[in-house]
């Protein structure tokens, strides 16, 4: 399938360029992080086909909000690896940013298998949690929740200013 292979290669190149640039920076914008994740998920959609659906919501008011680079990638990767890949029917990954009571909240949710089959030691989550606590000087948090009716939600919260 040469057309599919070409599309996957184009998305992979876009992802690599953006991730390399992000790795050299100390901060980026939510808009850039969401775009990076759309490229990453676009590659996975080609691989997983109809088994992967993506939902992304970034309000214009938060597009320029500054965040640490590559913050979302390990969380999105976990949603795929531990949530959707094990599910025969696949599911949806949602990436949502919103402002609530003067804080920014980013939600990475999947409709996959949930916590039941978790076999990871959680290094990715631990690293993201430590980065948030350090960068936002204890005013940021990461919590993991069930995503009713099925799946997992990871919620990152930090102050708007």
C-alpha atoms as a PDB file:
ATOM      1  CA  UNK A   1       0.000   0.000   0.000  1.00  0.00           C
ATOM      2  CA  UNK A   2       2.373   2.715  -1.230  1.00  0.00           C
ATOM      3  CA  UNK A   3      -0.030   5.616  -0.601  1.00  0.00           C
ATOM      4  CA  UNK A   4      -0.526   4.586   3.025  1.00  0.00           C
ATOM      5  CA  UNK A   5       3.206   4.096   3.496  1.00  0.00           C
ATOM      6  CA  UNK A   6       3.878   7.565   2.028  1.00  0.00           C
ATOM      7  CA  UNK A   7       1.312   9.167   4.346  1.00  0.00           C
ATOM      8  CA  UNK A   8       2.774   7.382   7.376  1.00  0.00           C
ATOM      9  CA  UNK A   9       6.291   8.474   6.431  1.00  0.00           C
ATOM     10  CA  UNK A  10       5.163  12.107   6.019  1.00  0.00           C
ATOM     11  CA  UNK A  11       3.497  12.099   9.437  1.00  0.00           C
ATOM     12  CA  UNK A  12       6.473  10.384  11.019  1.00  0.00           C
ATOM     13  CA  UNK A  13       8.847  12.991   9.590  1.00  0.00           C
ATOM     14  CA  UNK A  14       6.596  15.815  10.849  1.00  0.00           C
ATOM     15  CA  UNK A  15       6.520  14.191  14.293  1.00  0.00           C
ATOM     16  CA  UNK A  16      10.293  13.725  14.404  1.00  0.00           C
ATOM     17  CA  UNK A  17      10.969  17.313  13.338  1.00  0.00           C
ATOM     18  CA  UNK A  18       8.589  18.713  15.931  1.00  0.00           C
ATOM     19  CA  UNK A  19       9.821  16.441  18.729  1.00  0.00           C
ATOM     20  CA  UNK A  20      13.473  17.223  17.984  1.00  0.00           C
ATOM     21  CA  UNK A  21      12.746  20.948  18.080  1.00  0.00           C
ATOM     22  CA  UNK A  22      10.743  20.544  21.304  1.00  0.00           C
ATOM     23  CA  UNK A  23      13.520  18.591  22.992  1.00  0.00           C
ATOM     24  CA  UNK A  24      15.819  21.599  22.626  1.00  0.00           C
ATOM     25  CA  UNK A  25      13.440  24.029  24.320  1.00  0.00           C
ATOM     26  CA  UNK A  26      12.616  24.639  27.970  1.00  0.00           C
ATOM     27  CA  UNK A  27       8.976  25.437  27.217  1.00  0.00           C
ATOM     28  CA  UNK A  28       6.467  25.255  24.407  1.00  0.00           C
ATOM     29  CA  UNK A  29       2.807  26.139  23.874  1.00  0.00           C
ATOM     30  CA  UNK A  30      -0.226  23.948  24.319  1.00  0.00           C
ATOM     31  CA  UNK A  31      -0.907  24.497  20.617  1.00  0.00           C
ATOM     32  CA  UNK A  32       2.501  23.056  19.698  1.00  0.00           C
ATOM     33  CA  UNK A  33       2.079  20.138  22.146  1.00  0.00           C
ATOM     34  CA  UNK A  34      -1.364  19.326  20.741  1.00  0.00           C
ATOM     35  CA  UNK A  35      -0.015  19.484  17.177  1.00  0.00           C
ATOM     36  CA  UNK A  36       2.832  17.159  18.125  1.00  0.00           C
ATOM     37  CA  UNK A  37       0.332  14.701  19.611  1.00  0.00           C
ATOM     38  CA  UNK A  38      -1.916  14.937  16.533  1.00  0.00           C
ATOM     39  CA  UNK A  39       1.096  13.938  14.390  1.00  0.00           C
ATOM     40  CA  UNK A  40       1.966  11.105  16.799  1.00  0.00           C
ATOM     41  CA  UNK A  41      -1.629   9.845  16.886  1.00  0.00           C
ATOM     42  CA  UNK A  42      -1.894  10.218  13.103  1.00  0.00           C
ATOM     43  CA  UNK A  43       0.933   7.708  12.729  1.00  0.00           C
ATOM     44  CA  UNK A  44      -0.777   5.337  15.137  1.00  0.00           C
ATOM     45  CA  UNK A  45      -4.118   5.726  13.334  1.00  0.00           C
ATOM     46  CA  UNK A  46      -2.492   4.483  10.154  1.00  0.00           C
ATOM     47  CA  UNK A  47      -1.091   1.478  12.026  1.00  0.00           C
ATOM     48  CA  UNK A  48      -4.239   0.713  14.045  1.00  0.00           C
ATOM     49  CA  UNK A  49      -6.781   1.673  11.396  1.00  0.00           C
ATOM     50  CA  UNK A  50     -10.403   1.906  12.525  1.00  0.00           C
ATOM     51  CA  UNK A  51      -9.419   0.668  15.981  1.00  0.00           C
ATOM     52  CA  UNK A  52      -8.136   4.157  16.930  1.00  0.00           C
ATOM     53  CA  UNK A  53     -10.279   7.242  17.069  1.00  0.00           C
ATOM     54  CA  UNK A  54      -8.932  10.599  18.250  1.00  0.00           C
ATOM     55  CA  UNK A  55     -10.698  13.517  19.906  1.00  0.00           C
ATOM     56  CA  UNK A  56      -8.827  16.784  20.481  1.00  0.00           C
ATOM     57  CA  UNK A  57     -10.128  19.975  22.116  1.00  0.00           C
ATOM     58  CA  UNK A  58      -7.941  23.029  22.637  1.00  0.00           C
ATOM     59  CA  UNK A  59      -9.724  26.353  23.217  1.00  0.00           C
ATOM     60  CA  UNK A  60      -8.164  29.322  21.407  1.00  0.00           C
ATOM     61  CA  UNK A  61      -7.694  31.072  24.759  1.00  0.00           C
ATOM     62  CA  UNK A  62      -5.272  28.321  25.856  1.00  0.00           C
ATOM     63  CA  UNK A  63      -3.381  27.795  22.576  1.00  0.00           C
ATOM     64  CA  UNK A  64      -0.487  30.033  23.632  1.00  0.00           C
ATOM     65  CA  UNK A  65      -0.303  28.770  27.219  1.00  0.00           C
ATOM     66  CA  UNK A  66       3.275  27.786  28.099  1.00  0.00           C
ATOM     67  CA  UNK A  67       3.962  24.182  29.138  1.00  0.00           C
ATOM     68  CA  UNK A  68       7.043  21.968  29.424  1.00  0.00           C
ATOM     69  CA  UNK A  69       7.906  20.312  26.089  1.00  0.00           C
ATOM     70  CA  UNK A  70       7.076  16.637  25.525  1.00  0.00           C
ATOM     71  CA  UNK A  71       4.822  16.642  28.586  1.00  0.00           C
ATOM     72  CA  UNK A  72       1.907  14.858  26.938  1.00  0.00           C
ATOM     73  CA  UNK A  73       3.707  12.278  24.801  1.00  0.00           C
ATOM     74  CA  UNK A  74       4.340   9.653  27.529  1.00  0.00           C
ATOM     75  CA  UNK A  75       0.724   9.968  28.690  1.00  0.00           C
ATOM     76  CA  UNK A  76      -0.701   9.572  25.183  1.00  0.00           C
ATOM     77  CA  UNK A  77       1.667   6.665  24.565  1.00  0.00           C
ATOM     78  CA  UNK A  78       0.449   5.000  27.792  1.00  0.00           C
ATOM     79  CA  UNK A  79      -3.179   5.451  26.702  1.00  0.00           C
ATOM     80  CA  UNK A  80      -2.412   3.587  23.491  1.00  0.00           C
ATOM     81  CA  UNK A  81      -0.044   0.939  24.865  1.00  0.00           C
ATOM     82  CA  UNK A  82      -1.910   0.050  28.069  1.00  0.00           C
ATOM     83  CA  UNK A  83      -5.449   1.086  27.177  1.00  0.00           C
ATOM     84  CA  UNK A  84      -6.295   0.683  23.511  1.00  0.00           C
ATOM     85  CA  UNK A  85      -3.811  -1.784  22.005  1.00  0.00           C
ATOM     86  CA  UNK A  86      -4.902  -4.609  24.342  1.00  0.00           C
ATOM     87  CA  UNK A  87      -8.571  -3.975  23.500  1.00  0.00           C
ATOM     88  CA  UNK A  88      -9.621  -5.973  20.436  1.00  0.00           C
ATOM     89  CA  UNK A  89     -12.074  -3.262  19.387  1.00  0.00           C
ATOM     90  CA  UNK A  90      -9.629  -0.419  20.106  1.00  0.00           C
ATOM     91  CA  UNK A  91     -11.271   2.821  21.179  1.00  0.00           C
ATOM     92  CA  UNK A  92     -10.841   6.564  21.480  1.00  0.00           C
ATOM     93  CA  UNK A  93      -8.041   8.708  22.860  1.00  0.00           C
ATOM     94  CA  UNK A  94      -9.148  12.171  23.939  1.00  0.00           C
ATOM     95  CA  UNK A  95      -6.820  15.097  24.480  1.00  0.00           C
ATOM     96  CA  UNK A  96      -8.664  18.006  26.086  1.00  0.00           C
ATOM     97  CA  UNK A  97      -7.465  21.291  27.561  1.00  0.00           C
ATOM     98  CA  UNK A  98      -9.721  23.626  29.533  1.00  0.00           C
ATOM     99  CA  UNK A  99      -9.588  26.381  32.090  1.00  0.00           C
ATOM    100  CA  UNK A 100     -11.293  25.733  35.417  1.00  0.00           C
ATOM    101  CA  UNK A 101     -11.279  28.209  38.306  1.00  0.00           C
ATOM    102  CA  UNK A 102      -8.064  29.941  37.219  1.00  0.00           C
ATOM    103  CA  UNK A 103      -6.221  26.679  36.550  1.00  0.00           C
ATOM    104  CA  UNK A 104      -5.415  24.885  33.324  1.00  0.00           C
ATOM    105  CA  UNK A 105      -6.492  21.268  33.153  1.00  0.00           C
ATOM    106  CA  UNK A 106      -5.300  18.842  30.505  1.00  0.00           C
ATOM    107  CA  UNK A 107      -7.066  15.496  30.231  1.00  0.00           C
ATOM    108  CA  UNK A 108      -5.704  12.498  28.366  1.00  0.00           C
ATOM    109  CA  UNK A 109      -8.419   9.854  28.364  1.00  0.00           C
ATOM    110  CA  UNK A 110      -8.891   6.517  26.666  1.00  0.00           C
ATOM    111  CA  UNK A 111     -11.798   4.118  26.362  1.00  0.00           C
ATOM    112  CA  UNK A 112      -9.567   1.063  26.610  1.00  0.00           C
ATOM    113  CA  UNK A 113      -9.038  -1.687  29.128  1.00  0.00           C
ATOM    114  CA  UNK A 114      -8.560   0.525  32.178  1.00  0.00           C
ATOM    115  CA  UNK A 115      -6.396  -0.365  35.164  1.00  0.00           C
ATOM    116  CA  UNK A 116      -7.281  -4.056  35.298  1.00  0.00           C
ATOM    117  CA  UNK A 117      -4.471  -5.337  33.106  1.00  0.00           C
ATOM    118  CA  UNK A 118      -1.779  -2.830  34.104  1.00  0.00           C
ATOM    119  CA  UNK A 119       1.676  -4.400  34.135  1.00  0.00           C
ATOM    120  CA  UNK A 120       3.876  -1.296  33.900  1.00  0.00           C
ATOM    121  CA  UNK A 121       5.987   0.033  36.738  1.00  0.00           C
ATOM    122  CA  UNK A 122       4.795   3.583  35.972  1.00  0.00           C
ATOM    123  CA  UNK A 123       8.150   5.242  35.198  1.00  0.00           C
ATOM    124  CA  UNK A 124       6.604   7.487  32.526  1.00  0.00           C
ATOM    125  CA  UNK A 125       3.894   8.680  34.900  1.00  0.00           C
ATOM    126  CA  UNK A 126       6.408   9.186  37.692  1.00  0.00           C
ATOM    127  CA  UNK A 127       8.640  11.289  35.447  1.00  0.00           C
ATOM    128  CA  UNK A 128       5.756  13.471  34.247  1.00  0.00           C
ATOM    129  CA  UNK A 129       4.497  13.921  37.818  1.00  0.00           C
ATOM    130  CA  UNK A 130       7.976  14.969  39.029  1.00  0.00           C
ATOM    131  CA  UNK A 131       8.416  17.408  36.118  1.00  0.00           C
ATOM    132  CA  UNK A 132       5.058  19.055  36.878  1.00  0.00           C
ATOM    133  CA  UNK A 133       5.800  19.355  40.598  1.00  0.00           C
ATOM    134  CA  UNK A 134       9.243  20.829  39.965  1.00  0.00           C
ATOM    135  CA  UNK A 135       8.356  23.248  37.159  1.00  0.00           C
ATOM    136  CA  UNK A 136       5.199  24.523  38.841  1.00  0.00           C
ATOM    137  CA  UNK A 137       6.827  24.530  42.295  1.00  0.00           C
ATOM    138  CA  UNK A 138       4.303  22.205  43.890  1.00  0.00           C
ATOM    139  CA  UNK A 139       1.291  24.024  42.397  1.00  0.00           C
ATOM    140  CA  UNK A 140       0.768  21.453  39.653  1.00  0.00           C
ATOM    141  CA  UNK A 141      -0.567  17.926  39.895  1.00  0.00           C
ATOM    142  CA  UNK A 142      -1.180  14.733  37.984  1.00  0.00           C
ATOM    143  CA  UNK A 143      -3.905  12.319  38.948  1.00  0.00           C
ATOM    144  CA  UNK A 144      -5.120   9.067  37.445  1.00  0.00           C
ATOM    145  CA  UNK A 145      -8.811   8.189  37.396  1.00  0.00           C
ATOM    146  CA  UNK A 146     -11.157   5.672  35.898  1.00  0.00           C
ATOM    147  CA  UNK A 147     -12.810   6.933  32.730  1.00  0.00           C
ATOM    148  CA  UNK A 148     -16.405   5.790  33.127  1.00  0.00           C
ATOM    149  CA  UNK A 149     -17.816   3.683  31.632  1.00  0.00           C
ATOM    150  CA  UNK A 150     -14.401   2.261  30.702  1.00  0.00           C
ATOM    151  CA  UNK A 151     -10.793   3.267  30.309  1.00  0.00           C
ATOM    152  CA  UNK A 152      -8.439   5.612  32.094  1.00  0.00           C
ATOM    153  CA  UNK A 153      -8.132   9.382  32.512  1.00  0.00           C
ATOM    154  CA  UNK A 154      -4.946  11.211  33.386  1.00  0.00           C
ATOM    155  CA  UNK A 155      -5.590  14.773  34.540  1.00  0.00           C
ATOM    156  CA  UNK A 156      -2.828  17.359  34.719  1.00  0.00           C
ATOM    157  CA  UNK A 157      -3.620  20.603  36.553  1.00  0.00           C
ATOM    158  CA  UNK A 158      -1.471  23.703  36.976  1.00  0.00           C
ATOM    159  CA  UNK A 159      -2.005  27.397  37.632  1.00  0.00           C
ATOM    160  CA  UNK A 160      -3.021  29.646  34.719  1.00  0.00           C
ATOM    161  CA  UNK A 161      -0.423  32.291  35.584  1.00  0.00           C
END
